[in-house]
Amino acid sequence: MRSLLLGLLVVGVALPFAANAEDAQDQAIKKDRKKLQGTWQVTSLVIAGNRAKDEDAKKFTVVNGDDGTWSVRSEGKESSKGTSTISPTVKPKTIDFTATEGGASGDQFVGIYQLGKNKRKLCFVRSDKERPTEFTSTTENQNILVTYERIK
């Protein structure tokens, strides 16, 4: 009986903490989704250590919805779209996304992100590789590193 009471006490104490942690995670996701929402101009693109010319990188924009949807546009024409999930309470912040339409349809990616008011950075790789832990792109890690500025 005593262990049952102790177990109930532990569960009764632990559940509010779990609920609070879940609420904090949900609030952090909503906050970052709101910051991500909008249209972003690619300012720099590095793929597997190869830096794209600035004028080529700037041909791309990304439109993010506050619900995790996104679309990539090349010179104004939509080339790909999909969905994402984020975890803003871990360090570095993580993102997983799937292309649902376009040339990469069905492909899944894992990455990390930094988010400022009008600038952001994303480093990602196909999901069959290890998630990046830092914002680098080399021939060895095969990461894709993108920086963006918000279009106002």
Protein backbone atom coordinates (compact mmCIF):
# COMPACT_ATOMS: atom_id res chain seq x y z
CA MET A 1 0.00 0.00 0.00
CA ARG A 2 2.81 2.36 0.90
CA SER A 3 4.56 1.84 -2.48
CA LEU A 4 1.24 2.37 -4.27
CA LEU A 5 0.79 5.70 -2.46
CA LEU A 6 4.38 6.67 -3.23
CA GLY A 7 3.86 5.74 -6.89
CA LEU A 8 0.67 7.82 -7.07
CA LEU A 9 2.47 10.74 -5.44
CA VAL A 10 5.35 10.52 -7.93
CA VAL A 11 2.94 10.32 -10.88
CA GLY A 12 0.86 13.16 -9.44
CA VAL A 13 3.94 15.33 -9.10
CA ALA A 14 5.54 14.30 -12.41
CA LEU A 15 2.48 14.80 -14.61
CA PRO A 16 2.23 18.57 -14.10
CA PHE A 17 5.95 18.90 -14.93
CA ALA A 18 5.48 16.86 -18.11
CA ALA A 19 2.46 18.97 -19.08
CA ASN A 20 4.41 22.17 -18.41
CA ALA A 21 7.34 20.95 -20.53
CA GLU A 22 4.93 20.07 -23.33
CA ASP A 23 3.28 23.49 -23.06
CA ALA A 24 6.69 25.19 -23.17
CA GLN A 25 7.63 23.17 -26.28
CA ASP A 26 4.31 24.05 -27.97
CA GLN A 27 4.79 27.75 -27.16
CA ALA A 28 8.36 27.70 -28.49
CA ILE A 29 7.18 26.06 -31.72
CA LYS A 30 4.42 28.65 -32.17
CA LYS A 31 6.89 31.48 -31.52
CA ASP A 32 9.44 30.21 -34.06
CA ARG A 33 6.73 29.37 -36.63
CA LYS A 34 5.49 32.97 -36.37
CA LYS A 35 9.06 34.25 -36.90
CA LEU A 36 9.55 31.88 -39.86
CA GLN A 37 6.32 32.85 -41.57
CA GLY A 38 6.81 34.92 -44.70
CA THR A 39 8.98 35.12 -47.79
CA TRP A 40 12.75 34.71 -47.53
CA GLN A 41 15.41 35.52 -50.14
CA VAL A 42 18.35 33.11 -50.34
CA THR A 43 21.52 35.17 -49.91
CA SER A 44 24.09 32.37 -49.78
CA LEU A 45 24.03 28.71 -50.81
CA VAL A 46 26.75 26.11 -50.23
CA ILE A 47 26.18 22.51 -51.33
CA ALA A 48 28.71 19.88 -50.21
CA GLY A 49 31.36 22.58 -49.86
CA ASN A 50 30.65 24.18 -53.24
CA ARG A 51 29.51 27.78 -52.94
CA ALA A 52 26.97 28.92 -55.53
CA LYS A 53 27.51 32.25 -57.22
CA ASP A 54 25.62 34.97 -55.38
CA GLU A 55 23.53 35.83 -58.43
CA ASP A 56 22.50 32.16 -58.75
CA ALA A 57 21.67 31.80 -55.05
CA LYS A 58 19.54 34.95 -55.12
CA LYS A 59 17.27 33.43 -57.77
CA PHE A 60 15.68 31.37 -54.99
CA THR A 61 13.07 32.37 -52.43
CA VAL A 62 11.28 30.31 -49.82
CA VAL A 63 7.78 31.01 -48.56
CA ASN A 64 7.02 29.63 -45.09
CA GLY A 65 3.55 29.23 -43.62
CA ASP A 66 2.93 29.37 -39.87
CA ASP A 67 1.74 25.75 -40.04
CA GLY A 68 5.05 24.22 -41.16
CA THR A 69 4.33 24.35 -44.88
CA TRP A 70 6.92 25.74 -47.25
CA SER A 71 7.52 26.29 -50.95
CA VAL A 72 10.69 26.99 -52.89
CA ARG A 73 10.54 29.34 -55.84
CA SER A 74 13.14 29.79 -58.54
CA GLU A 75 12.84 33.11 -60.33
CA GLY A 76 9.25 33.35 -59.10
CA LYS A 77 8.12 29.88 -60.24
CA GLU A 78 7.32 27.26 -57.61
CA SER A 79 9.70 24.33 -57.92
CA SER A 80 9.04 22.39 -54.72
CA LYS A 81 6.84 22.42 -51.65
CA GLY A 82 6.46 20.43 -48.48
CA THR A 83 6.04 20.31 -44.73
CA SER A 84 8.36 20.64 -41.75
CA THR A 85 8.54 20.02 -38.03
CA ILE A 86 10.80 22.01 -35.73
CA SER A 87 12.25 21.55 -32.25
CA PRO A 88 13.23 25.02 -31.03
CA THR A 89 13.99 24.02 -27.43
CA VAL A 90 17.09 21.92 -28.24
CA LYS A 91 20.55 23.32 -28.98
CA PRO A 92 21.07 23.72 -31.85
CA LYS A 93 17.44 24.05 -32.93
CA THR A 94 16.42 21.19 -35.24
CA ILE A 95 14.20 20.89 -38.28
CA ASP A 96 12.94 17.88 -40.23
CA PHE A 97 11.22 18.42 -43.55
CA THR A 98 9.70 16.46 -46.40
CA ALA A 99 9.18 17.54 -49.99
CA THR A 100 5.61 16.71 -50.98
CA GLU A 101 5.59 18.20 -54.50
CA GLY A 102 8.16 18.96 -57.15
CA GLY A 103 11.35 17.27 -58.28
CA ALA A 104 12.34 16.10 -54.80
CA SER A 105 8.84 14.83 -53.89
CA GLY A 106 9.03 12.26 -51.12
CA ASP A 107 12.58 13.17 -50.09
CA GLN A 108 13.16 13.76 -46.39
CA PHE A 109 15.79 15.97 -44.79
CA VAL A 110 17.14 16.65 -41.29
CA GLY A 111 18.86 19.81 -40.21
CA ILE A 112 19.49 22.62 -37.78
CA TYR A 113 18.50 26.27 -37.93
CA GLN A 114 19.19 29.71 -36.49
CA LEU A 115 16.49 32.31 -36.58
CA GLY A 116 16.77 36.05 -36.18
CA LYS A 117 14.22 38.76 -36.86
CA ASN A 118 15.15 39.26 -40.52
CA LYS A 119 17.91 36.71 -41.10
CA ARG A 120 18.06 32.96 -40.75
CA LYS A 121 20.40 30.10 -41.43
CA LEU A 122 19.63 26.49 -42.30
CA CYS A 123 22.02 23.54 -42.55
CA PHE A 124 20.55 20.23 -43.68
CA VAL A 125 21.19 16.89 -45.35
CA ARG A 126 19.13 13.96 -46.63
CA SER A 127 17.64 11.93 -43.80
CA ASP A 128 19.81 8.88 -44.57
CA LYS A 129 22.81 10.91 -43.33
CA GLU A 130 23.54 12.22 -39.84
CA ARG A 131 21.88 15.48 -38.82
CA PRO A 132 24.36 18.38 -38.92
CA THR A 133 25.54 19.63 -35.55
CA GLU A 134 27.14 22.83 -36.83
CA PHE A 135 26.60 25.25 -39.70
CA THR A 136 29.18 23.90 -42.16
CA SER A 137 29.09 22.41 -45.62
CA THR A 138 32.03 20.35 -46.86
CA THR A 139 32.59 17.59 -49.41
CA GLU A 140 32.91 15.21 -46.45
CA ASN A 141 29.64 16.01 -44.65
CA GLN A 142 27.60 16.70 -47.84
CA ASN A 143 25.54 19.31 -45.95
CA ILE A 144 23.59 22.07 -47.64
CA LEU A 145 24.07 25.45 -45.96
CA VAL A 146 21.66 28.27 -46.79
CA THR A 147 21.37 31.80 -45.44
CA TYR A 148 18.29 33.94 -45.99
CA GLU A 149 17.04 37.49 -45.51
CA ARG A 150 13.39 38.29 -45.01
CA ILE A 151 11.66 40.04 -47.92
CA LYS A 152 9.57 42.86 -46.49
